[in-house]
Each structure stands twice: as structure tokens, then as C-alpha cells.
Amino acid sequence: QRWRSRQEALYSFYLPEGSVVTSAALWVNGE
């Protein structure tokens, strides 16, 4: 159904000790 079809994705990542996130990206309109 199209009613309230927009949804939010939530992810949790569990990193090894001492790790750090150093980049991220989202594809918007294929870019």
C-alpha cells in the first residue's frame, strides 16, 4: 500500500575494539 510507505532504516554496527568510522555515503538519485 502507498499510504505511509515512506520508512526509516536503522542500523547498528558493532565494531572491534579501537575501531573508528572514517567515511560514509548515501546514494541520491543514483549518485
PDB file of all heavy atoms in Angstrom:
ATOM      1  N   GLN A   1       0.834  -1.196   0.000  1.00  0.00           N
ATOM      2  CA  GLN A   1       0.000   0.000   0.000  1.00  0.00           C
ATOM      3  C   GLN A   1       0.878   1.259   0.000  1.00  0.00           C
ATOM      4  O   GLN A   1       1.931   1.292   0.610  1.00  0.00           O
ATOM      5  CB  GLN A   1      -0.916   0.037   1.232  1.00  0.00           C
ATOM      6  CG  GLN A   1      -1.879  -1.138   1.306  1.00  0.00           C
ATOM      7  CD  GLN A   1      -1.256  -2.323   2.041  1.00  0.00           C
ATOM      8  OE1 GLN A   1      -0.076  -2.324   2.348  1.00  0.00           O
ATOM      9  NE2 GLN A   1      -2.088  -3.341   2.281  1.00  0.00           N
ATOM     10  N   ARG A   2       0.440   2.293  -0.674  1.00  0.00           N
ATOM     11  CA  ARG A   2       1.209   3.523  -0.766  1.00  0.00           C
ATOM     12  C   ARG A   2       1.061   4.382   0.485  1.00  0.00           C
ATOM     13  O   ARG A   2       1.903   5.245   0.747  1.00  0.00           O
ATOM     14  CB  ARG A   2       0.772   4.330  -2.002  1.00  0.00           C
ATOM     15  CG  ARG A   2       1.108   3.647  -3.315  1.00  0.00           C
ATOM     16  CD  ARG A   2       0.734   4.535  -4.498  1.00  0.00           C
ATOM     17  NE  ARG A   2       1.449   5.800  -4.456  1.00  0.00           N
ATOM     18  CZ  ARG A   2       2.678   5.981  -4.919  1.00  0.00           C
ATOM     19  NH1 ARG A   2       3.347   4.972  -5.441  1.00  0.00           N
ATOM     20  NH2 ARG A   2       3.262   7.160  -4.863  1.00  0.00           N
ATOM     21  N   TRP A   3      -0.006   4.175   1.287  1.00  0.00           N
ATOM     22  CA  TRP A   3      -0.234   5.006   2.468  1.00  0.00           C
ATOM     23  C   TRP A   3       0.885   4.778   3.478  1.00  0.00           C
ATOM     24  O   TRP A   3       1.211   3.654   3.838  1.00  0.00           O
ATOM     25  CB  TRP A   3      -1.587   4.675   3.094  1.00  0.00           C
ATOM     26  CG  TRP A   3      -1.915   5.549   4.265  1.00  0.00           C
ATOM     27  CD1 TRP A   3      -2.312   6.843   4.250  1.00  0.00           C
ATOM     28  CD2 TRP A   3      -1.873   5.162   5.642  1.00  0.00           C
ATOM     29  NE1 TRP A   3      -2.510   7.306   5.527  1.00  0.00           N
ATOM     30  CE2 TRP A   3      -2.251   6.293   6.402  1.00  0.00           C
ATOM     31  CE3 TRP A   3      -1.545   3.973   6.305  1.00  0.00           C
ATOM     32  CZ2 TRP A   3      -2.312   6.260   7.796  1.00  0.00           C
ATOM     33  CZ3 TRP A   3      -1.608   3.942   7.680  1.00  0.00           C
ATOM     34  CH2 TRP A   3      -1.993   5.086   8.402  1.00  0.00           C
ATOM     35  N   ARG A   4       1.515   5.839   3.912  1.00  0.00           N
ATOM     36  CA  ARG A   4       2.647   5.800   4.838  1.00  0.00           C
ATOM     37  C   ARG A   4       3.717   4.811   4.383  1.00  0.00           C
ATOM     38  O   ARG A   4       4.256   4.033   5.169  1.00  0.00           O
ATOM     39  CB  ARG A   4       2.189   5.463   6.265  1.00  0.00           C
ATOM     40  CG  ARG A   4       1.392   6.576   6.911  1.00  0.00           C
ATOM     41  CD  ARG A   4       1.067   6.275   8.364  1.00  0.00           C
ATOM     42  NE  ARG A   4       2.262   6.264   9.205  1.00  0.00           N
ATOM     43  CZ  ARG A   4       2.796   7.338   9.753  1.00  0.00           C
ATOM     44  NH1 ARG A   4       2.264   8.540   9.536  1.00  0.00           N
ATOM     45  NH2 ARG A   4       3.876   7.245  10.509  1.00  0.00           N
ATOM     46  N   SER A   5       4.016   4.831   3.090  1.00  0.00           N
ATOM     47  CA  SER A   5       5.008   3.895   2.548  1.00  0.00           C
ATOM     48  C   SER A   5       6.440   4.373   2.773  1.00  0.00           C
ATOM     49  O   SER A   5       7.373   3.608   2.610  1.00  0.00           O
ATOM     50  CB  SER A   5       4.768   3.689   1.046  1.00  0.00           C
ATOM     51  OG  SER A   5       4.896   4.919   0.347  1.00  0.00           O
ATOM     52  N   ARG A   6       6.628   5.655   3.117  1.00  0.00           N
ATOM     53  CA  ARG A   6       7.976   6.143   3.427  1.00  0.00           C
ATOM     54  C   ARG A   6       8.408   5.579   4.776  1.00  0.00           C
ATOM     55  O   ARG A   6       7.711   5.746   5.775  1.00  0.00           O
ATOM     56  CB  ARG A   6       7.990   7.667   3.495  1.00  0.00           C
ATOM     57  CG  ARG A   6       7.829   8.340   2.143  1.00  0.00           C
ATOM     58  CD  ARG A   6       7.598   9.828   2.329  1.00  0.00           C
ATOM     59  NE  ARG A   6       7.606  10.505   1.039  1.00  0.00           N
ATOM     60  CZ  ARG A   6       8.564  11.318   0.631  1.00  0.00           C
ATOM     61  NH1 ARG A   6       9.588  11.584   1.420  1.00  0.00           N
ATOM     62  NH2 ARG A   6       8.518  11.892  -0.573  1.00  0.00           N
ATOM     63  N   GLN A   7       9.560   4.936   4.799  1.00  0.00           N
ATOM     64  CA  GLN A   7      10.015   4.322   6.042  1.00  0.00           C
ATOM     65  C   GLN A   7      11.477   4.689   6.306  1.00  0.00           C
ATOM     66  O   GLN A   7      12.194   5.152   5.417  1.00  0.00           O
ATOM     67  CB  GLN A   7       9.827   2.802   5.982  1.00  0.00           C
ATOM     68  CG  GLN A   7       8.351   2.410   5.845  1.00  0.00           C
ATOM     69  CD  GLN A   7       8.058   1.011   6.324  1.00  0.00           C
ATOM     70  OE1 GLN A   7       8.951   0.218   6.576  1.00  0.00           O
ATOM     71  NE2 GLN A   7       6.774   0.703   6.471  1.00  0.00           N
ATOM     72  N   GLU A   8      11.881   4.490   7.562  1.00  0.00           N
ATOM     73  CA  GLU A   8      13.218   4.866   8.026  1.00  0.00           C
ATOM     74  C   GLU A   8      14.006   3.606   8.384  1.00  0.00           C
ATOM     75  O   GLU A   8      13.550   2.790   9.180  1.00  0.00           O
ATOM     76  CB  GLU A   8      13.103   5.771   9.249  1.00  0.00           C
ATOM     77  CG  GLU A   8      14.424   6.227   9.823  1.00  0.00           C
ATOM     78  CD  GLU A   8      14.243   7.068  11.091  1.00  0.00           C
ATOM     79  OE1 GLU A   8      13.115   7.073  11.649  1.00  0.00           O
ATOM     80  OE2 GLU A   8      15.214   7.702  11.521  1.00  0.00           O
ATOM     81  N   ALA A   9      15.175   3.447   7.778  1.00  0.00           N
ATOM     82  CA  ALA A   9      16.036   2.297   8.073  1.00  0.00           C
ATOM     83  C   ALA A   9      16.997   2.655   9.198  1.00  0.00           C
ATOM     84  O   ALA A   9      17.619   3.717   9.179  1.00  0.00           O
ATOM     85  CB  ALA A   9      16.819   1.891   6.838  1.00  0.00           C
ATOM     86  N   LEU A  10      17.118   1.767  10.164  1.00  0.00           N
ATOM     87  CA  LEU A  10      18.036   1.950  11.286  1.00  0.00           C
ATOM     88  C   LEU A  10      18.973   0.755  11.358  1.00  0.00           C
ATOM     89  O   LEU A  10      18.526  -0.396  11.377  1.00  0.00           O
ATOM     90  CB  LEU A  10      17.262   2.067  12.605  1.00  0.00           C
ATOM     91  CG  LEU A  10      18.104   2.046  13.889  1.00  0.00           C
ATOM     92  CD1 LEU A  10      18.996   3.271  13.967  1.00  0.00           C
ATOM     93  CD2 LEU A  10      17.217   1.941  15.120  1.00  0.00           C
ATOM     94  N   TYR A  11      20.281   1.039  11.383  1.00  0.00           N
ATOM     95  CA  TYR A  11      21.306   0.001  11.516  1.00  0.00           C
ATOM     96  C   TYR A  11      22.167   0.302  12.741  1.00  0.00           C
ATOM     97  O   TYR A  11      22.454   1.473  13.033  1.00  0.00           O
ATOM     98  CB  TYR A  11      22.205  -0.049  10.282  1.00  0.00           C
ATOM     99  CG  TYR A  11      21.568  -0.644   9.050  1.00  0.00           C
ATOM    100  CD1 TYR A  11      20.709   0.116   8.257  1.00  0.00           C
ATOM    101  CD2 TYR A  11      21.819  -1.960   8.676  1.00  0.00           C
ATOM    102  CE1 TYR A  11      20.114  -0.425   7.124  1.00  0.00           C
ATOM    103  CE2 TYR A  11      21.240  -2.501   7.549  1.00  0.00           C
ATOM    104  CZ  TYR A  11      20.381  -1.740   6.772  1.00  0.00           C
ATOM    105  OH  TYR A  11      19.804  -2.281   5.658  1.00  0.00           O
ATOM    106  N   SER A  12      22.577  -0.754  13.440  1.00  0.00           N
ATOM    107  CA  SER A  12      23.575  -0.645  14.498  1.00  0.00           C
ATOM    108  C   SER A  12      24.764  -1.518  14.117  1.00  0.00           C
ATOM    109  O   SER A  12      24.602  -2.702  13.808  1.00  0.00           O
ATOM    110  CB  SER A  12      23.018  -1.119  15.842  1.00  0.00           C
ATOM    111  OG  SER A  12      22.068  -0.217  16.356  1.00  0.00           O
ATOM    112  N   PHE A  13      25.969  -0.930  14.126  1.00  0.00           N
ATOM    113  CA  PHE A  13      27.191  -1.660  13.801  1.00  0.00           C
ATOM    114  C   PHE A  13      27.999  -1.855  15.075  1.00  0.00           C
ATOM    115  O   PHE A  13      28.162  -0.918  15.866  1.00  0.00           O
ATOM    116  CB  PHE A  13      28.010  -0.894  12.762  1.00  0.00           C
ATOM    117  CG  PHE A  13      27.359  -0.835  11.413  1.00  0.00           C
ATOM    118  CD1 PHE A  13      26.482   0.188  11.091  1.00  0.00           C
ATOM    119  CD2 PHE A  13      27.601  -1.817  10.463  1.00  0.00           C
ATOM    120  CE1 PHE A  13      25.858   0.243   9.860  1.00  0.00           C
ATOM    121  CE2 PHE A  13      26.985  -1.776   9.220  1.00  0.00           C
ATOM    122  CZ  PHE A  13      26.110  -0.745   8.912  1.00  0.00           C
ATOM    123  N   TYR A  14      28.529  -3.061  15.253  1.00  0.00           N
ATOM    124  CA  TYR A  14      29.293  -3.416  16.445  1.00  0.00           C
ATOM    125  C   TYR A  14      30.759  -3.573  16.028  1.00  0.00           C
ATOM    126  O   TYR A  14      31.121  -4.520  15.332  1.00  0.00           O
ATOM    127  CB  TYR A  14      28.734  -4.690  17.074  1.00  0.00           C
ATOM    128  CG  TYR A  14      27.304  -4.499  17.490  1.00  0.00           C
ATOM    129  CD1 TYR A  14      26.244  -4.698  16.585  1.00  0.00           C
ATOM    130  CD2 TYR A  14      26.988  -4.052  18.768  1.00  0.00           C
ATOM    131  CE1 TYR A  14      24.934  -4.469  16.966  1.00  0.00           C
ATOM    132  CE2 TYR A  14      25.668  -3.838  19.151  1.00  0.00           C
ATOM    133  CZ  TYR A  14      24.647  -4.038  18.237  1.00  0.00           C
ATOM    134  OH  TYR A  14      23.339  -3.807  18.608  1.00  0.00           O
ATOM    135  N   LEU A  15      31.581  -2.617  16.455  1.00  0.00           N
ATOM    136  CA  LEU A  15      32.943  -2.521  15.961  1.00  0.00           C
ATOM    137  C   LEU A  15      33.928  -3.240  16.873  1.00  0.00           C
ATOM    138  O   LEU A  15      33.781  -3.222  18.096  1.00  0.00           O
ATOM    139  CB  LEU A  15      33.366  -1.054  15.845  1.00  0.00           C
ATOM    140  CG  LEU A  15      32.415  -0.108  15.090  1.00  0.00           C
ATOM    141  CD1 LEU A  15      33.079   1.251  14.928  1.00  0.00           C
ATOM    142  CD2 LEU A  15      32.029  -0.677  13.736  1.00  0.00           C
ATOM    143  N   PRO A  16      34.965  -3.860  16.297  1.00  0.00           N
ATOM    144  CA  PRO A  16      36.047  -4.406  17.126  1.00  0.00           C
ATOM    145  C   PRO A  16      36.707  -3.304  17.941  1.00  0.00           C
ATOM    146  O   PRO A  16      36.651  -2.121  17.584  1.00  0.00           O
ATOM    147  CB  PRO A  16      37.013  -4.986  16.084  1.00  0.00           C
ATOM    148  CG  PRO A  16      36.175  -5.237  14.868  1.00  0.00           C
ATOM    149  CD  PRO A  16      35.138  -4.153  14.872  1.00  0.00           C
ATOM    150  N   GLU A  17      37.358  -3.687  19.026  1.00  0.00           N
ATOM    151  CA  GLU A  17      37.945  -2.723  19.956  1.00  0.00           C
ATOM    152  C   GLU A  17      38.911  -1.768  19.246  1.00  0.00           C
ATOM    153  O   GLU A  17      39.753  -2.186  18.457  1.00  0.00           O
ATOM    154  CB  GLU A  17      38.691  -3.474  21.063  1.00  0.00           C
ATOM    155  CG  GLU A  17      39.254  -2.585  22.145  1.00  0.00           C
ATOM    156  CD  GLU A  17      39.906  -3.361  23.265  1.00  0.00           C
ATOM    157  OE1 GLU A  17      39.509  -4.524  23.474  1.00  0.00           O
ATOM    158  OE2 GLU A  17      40.810  -2.826  23.922  1.00  0.00           O
ATOM    159  N   GLY A  18      38.774  -0.486  19.536  1.00  0.00           N
ATOM    160  CA  GLY A  18      39.684   0.509  18.990  1.00  0.00           C
ATOM    161  C   GLY A  18      39.354   0.981  17.595  1.00  0.00           C
ATOM    162  O   GLY A  18      40.080   1.800  17.019  1.00  0.00           O
ATOM    163  N   SER A  19      38.251   0.500  16.997  1.00  0.00           N
ATOM    164  CA  SER A  19      37.896   0.862  15.630  1.00  0.00           C
ATOM    165  C   SER A  19      37.211   2.218  15.580  1.00  0.00           C
ATOM    166  O   SER A  19      36.607   2.661  16.556  1.00  0.00           O
ATOM    167  CB  SER A  19      36.968  -0.199  15.025  1.00  0.00           C
ATOM    168  OG  SER A  19      37.570  -1.477  15.069  1.00  0.00           O
ATOM    169  N   VAL A  20      37.266   2.866  14.399  1.00  0.00           N
ATOM    170  CA  VAL A  20      36.654   4.181  14.230  1.00  0.00           C
ATOM    171  C   VAL A  20      36.083   4.299  12.827  1.00  0.00           C
ATOM    172  O   VAL A  20      36.674   3.818  11.850  1.00  0.00           O
ATOM    173  CB  VAL A  20      37.681   5.309  14.500  1.00  0.00           C
ATOM    174  CG1 VAL A  20      38.907   5.183  13.610  1.00  0.00           C
ATOM    175  CG2 VAL A  20      37.052   6.676  14.328  1.00  0.00           C
ATOM    176  N   VAL A  21      34.912   4.921  12.716  1.00  0.00           N
ATOM    177  CA  VAL A  21      34.304   5.175  11.409  1.00  0.00           C
ATOM    178  C   VAL A  21      34.959   6.401  10.785  1.00  0.00           C
ATOM    179  O   VAL A  21      35.066   7.457  11.415  1.00  0.00           O
ATOM    180  CB  VAL A  21      32.787   5.383  11.537  1.00  0.00           C
ATOM    181  CG1 VAL A  21      32.183   5.849  10.202  1.00  0.00           C
ATOM    182  CG2 VAL A  21      32.117   4.088  11.969  1.00  0.00           C
ATOM    183  N   THR A  22      35.403   6.246   9.533  1.00  0.00           N
ATOM    184  CA  THR A  22      36.131   7.321   8.863  1.00  0.00           C
ATOM    185  C   THR A  22      35.509   7.730   7.525  1.00  0.00           C
ATOM    186  O   THR A  22      36.073   8.581   6.833  1.00  0.00           O
ATOM    187  CB  THR A  22      37.600   6.914   8.641  1.00  0.00           C
ATOM    188  OG1 THR A  22      37.646   5.608   8.031  1.00  0.00           O
ATOM    189  CG2 THR A  22      38.348   6.848   9.958  1.00  0.00           C
ATOM    190  N   SER A  23      34.364   7.147   7.155  1.00  0.00           N
ATOM    191  CA  SER A  23      33.675   7.607   5.939  1.00  0.00           C
ATOM    192  C   SER A  23      32.259   7.045   5.910  1.00  0.00           C
ATOM    193  O   SER A  23      31.955   6.041   6.554  1.00  0.00           O
ATOM    194  CB  SER A  23      34.431   7.188   4.666  1.00  0.00           C
ATOM    195  OG  SER A  23      34.337   5.793   4.473  1.00  0.00           O
ATOM    196  N   ALA A  24      31.409   7.712   5.139  1.00  0.00           N
ATOM    197  CA  ALA A  24      30.047   7.236   4.888  1.00  0.00           C
ATOM    198  C   ALA A  24      29.533   7.930   3.635  1.00  0.00           C
ATOM    199  O   ALA A  24      30.035   8.991   3.239  1.00  0.00           O
ATOM    200  CB  ALA A  24      29.128   7.528   6.078  1.00  0.00           C
ATOM    201  N   ALA A  25      28.542   7.323   3.010  1.00  0.00           N
ATOM    202  CA  ALA A  25      27.953   7.924   1.804  1.00  0.00           C
ATOM    203  C   ALA A  25      26.538   7.402   1.630  1.00  0.00           C
ATOM    204  O   ALA A  25      26.187   6.325   2.127  1.00  0.00           O
ATOM    205  CB  ALA A  25      28.791   7.611   0.562  1.00  0.00           C
ATOM    206  N   LEU A  26      25.710   8.172   0.927  1.00  0.00           N
ATOM    207  CA  LEU A  26      24.335   7.802   0.587  1.00  0.00           C
ATOM    208  C   LEU A  26      24.137   8.039  -0.896  1.00  0.00           C
ATOM    209  O   LEU A  26      24.585   9.057  -1.435  1.00  0.00           O
ATOM    210  CB  LEU A  26      23.339   8.647   1.397  1.00  0.00           C
ATOM    211  CG  LEU A  26      21.846   8.430   1.116  1.00  0.00           C
ATOM    212  CD1 LEU A  26      21.398   7.046   1.585  1.00  0.00           C
ATOM    213  CD2 LEU A  26      21.004   9.509   1.795  1.00  0.00           C
ATOM    214  N   TRP A  27      23.492   7.107  -1.566  1.00  0.00           N
ATOM    215  CA  TRP A  27      23.177   7.294  -2.974  1.00  0.00           C
ATOM    216  C   TRP A  27      21.865   8.069  -3.095  1.00  0.00           C
ATOM    217  O   TRP A  27      20.834   7.663  -2.556  1.00  0.00           O
ATOM    218  CB  TRP A  27      23.066   5.951  -3.682  1.00  0.00           C
ATOM    219  CG  TRP A  27      24.388   5.420  -4.163  1.00  0.00           C
ATOM    220  CD1 TRP A  27      24.831   5.388  -5.453  1.00  0.00           C
ATOM    221  CD2 TRP A  27      25.437   4.845  -3.378  1.00  0.00           C
ATOM    222  NE1 TRP A  27      26.093   4.843  -5.525  1.00  0.00           N
ATOM    223  CE2 TRP A  27      26.494   4.503  -4.255  1.00  0.00           C
ATOM    224  CE3 TRP A  27      25.611   4.614  -2.015  1.00  0.00           C
ATOM    225  CZ2 TRP A  27      27.681   3.922  -3.824  1.00  0.00           C
ATOM    226  CZ3 TRP A  27      26.795   4.039  -1.578  1.00  0.00           C
ATOM    227  CH2 TRP A  27      27.810   3.701  -2.464  1.00  0.00           C
ATOM    228  N   VAL A  28      21.906   9.204  -3.785  1.00  0.00           N
ATOM    229  CA  VAL A  28      20.730  10.051  -4.015  1.00  0.00           C
ATOM    230  C   VAL A  28      20.551  10.198  -5.519  1.00  0.00           C
ATOM    231  O   VAL A  28      21.462  10.662  -6.218  1.00  0.00           O
ATOM    232  CB  VAL A  28      20.904  11.441  -3.360  1.00  0.00           C
ATOM    233  CG1 VAL A  28      19.682  12.314  -3.636  1.00  0.00           C
ATOM    234  CG2 VAL A  28      21.132  11.308  -1.853  1.00  0.00           C
ATOM    235  N   ASN A  29      19.397   9.759  -6.008  1.00  0.00           N
ATOM    236  CA  ASN A  29      19.113   9.784  -7.459  1.00  0.00           C
ATOM    237  C   ASN A  29      20.229   9.097  -8.250  1.00  0.00           C
ATOM    238  O   ASN A  29      20.673   9.581  -9.305  1.00  0.00           O
ATOM    239  CB  ASN A  29      18.939  11.222  -7.945  1.00  0.00           C
ATOM    240  CG  ASN A  29      17.769  11.912  -7.289  1.00  0.00           C
ATOM    241  OD1 ASN A  29      16.732  11.282  -7.024  1.00  0.00           O
ATOM    242  ND2 ASN A  29      17.914  13.192  -6.994  1.00  0.00           N
ATOM    243  N   GLY A  30      20.695   7.950  -7.723  1.00  0.00           N
ATOM    244  CA  GLY A  30      21.702   7.171  -8.421  1.00  0.00           C
ATOM    245  C   GLY A  30      23.124   7.678  -8.281  1.00  0.00           C
ATOM    246  O   GLY A  30      24.059   7.074  -8.815  1.00  0.00           O
ATOM    247  N   GLU A  31      23.326   8.782  -7.534  1.00  0.00           N
ATOM    248  CA  GLU A  31      24.655   9.365  -7.393  1.00  0.00           C
ATOM    249  C   GLU A  31      25.147   9.203  -5.956  1.00  0.00           C
ATOM    250  O   GLU A  31      24.418   9.481  -5.007  1.00  0.00           O
ATOM    251  CB  GLU A  31      24.608  10.851  -7.754  1.00  0.00           C
ATOM    252  CG  GLU A  31      25.927  11.575  -7.574  1.00  0.00           C
ATOM    253  CD  GLU A  31      25.804  13.076  -7.789  1.00  0.00           C
ATOM    254  OE1 GLU A  31      24.771  13.516  -8.353  1.00  0.00           O
ATOM    255  OE2 GLU A  31      26.716  13.809  -7.372  1.00  0.00           O
TER     256      GLU A  31
END
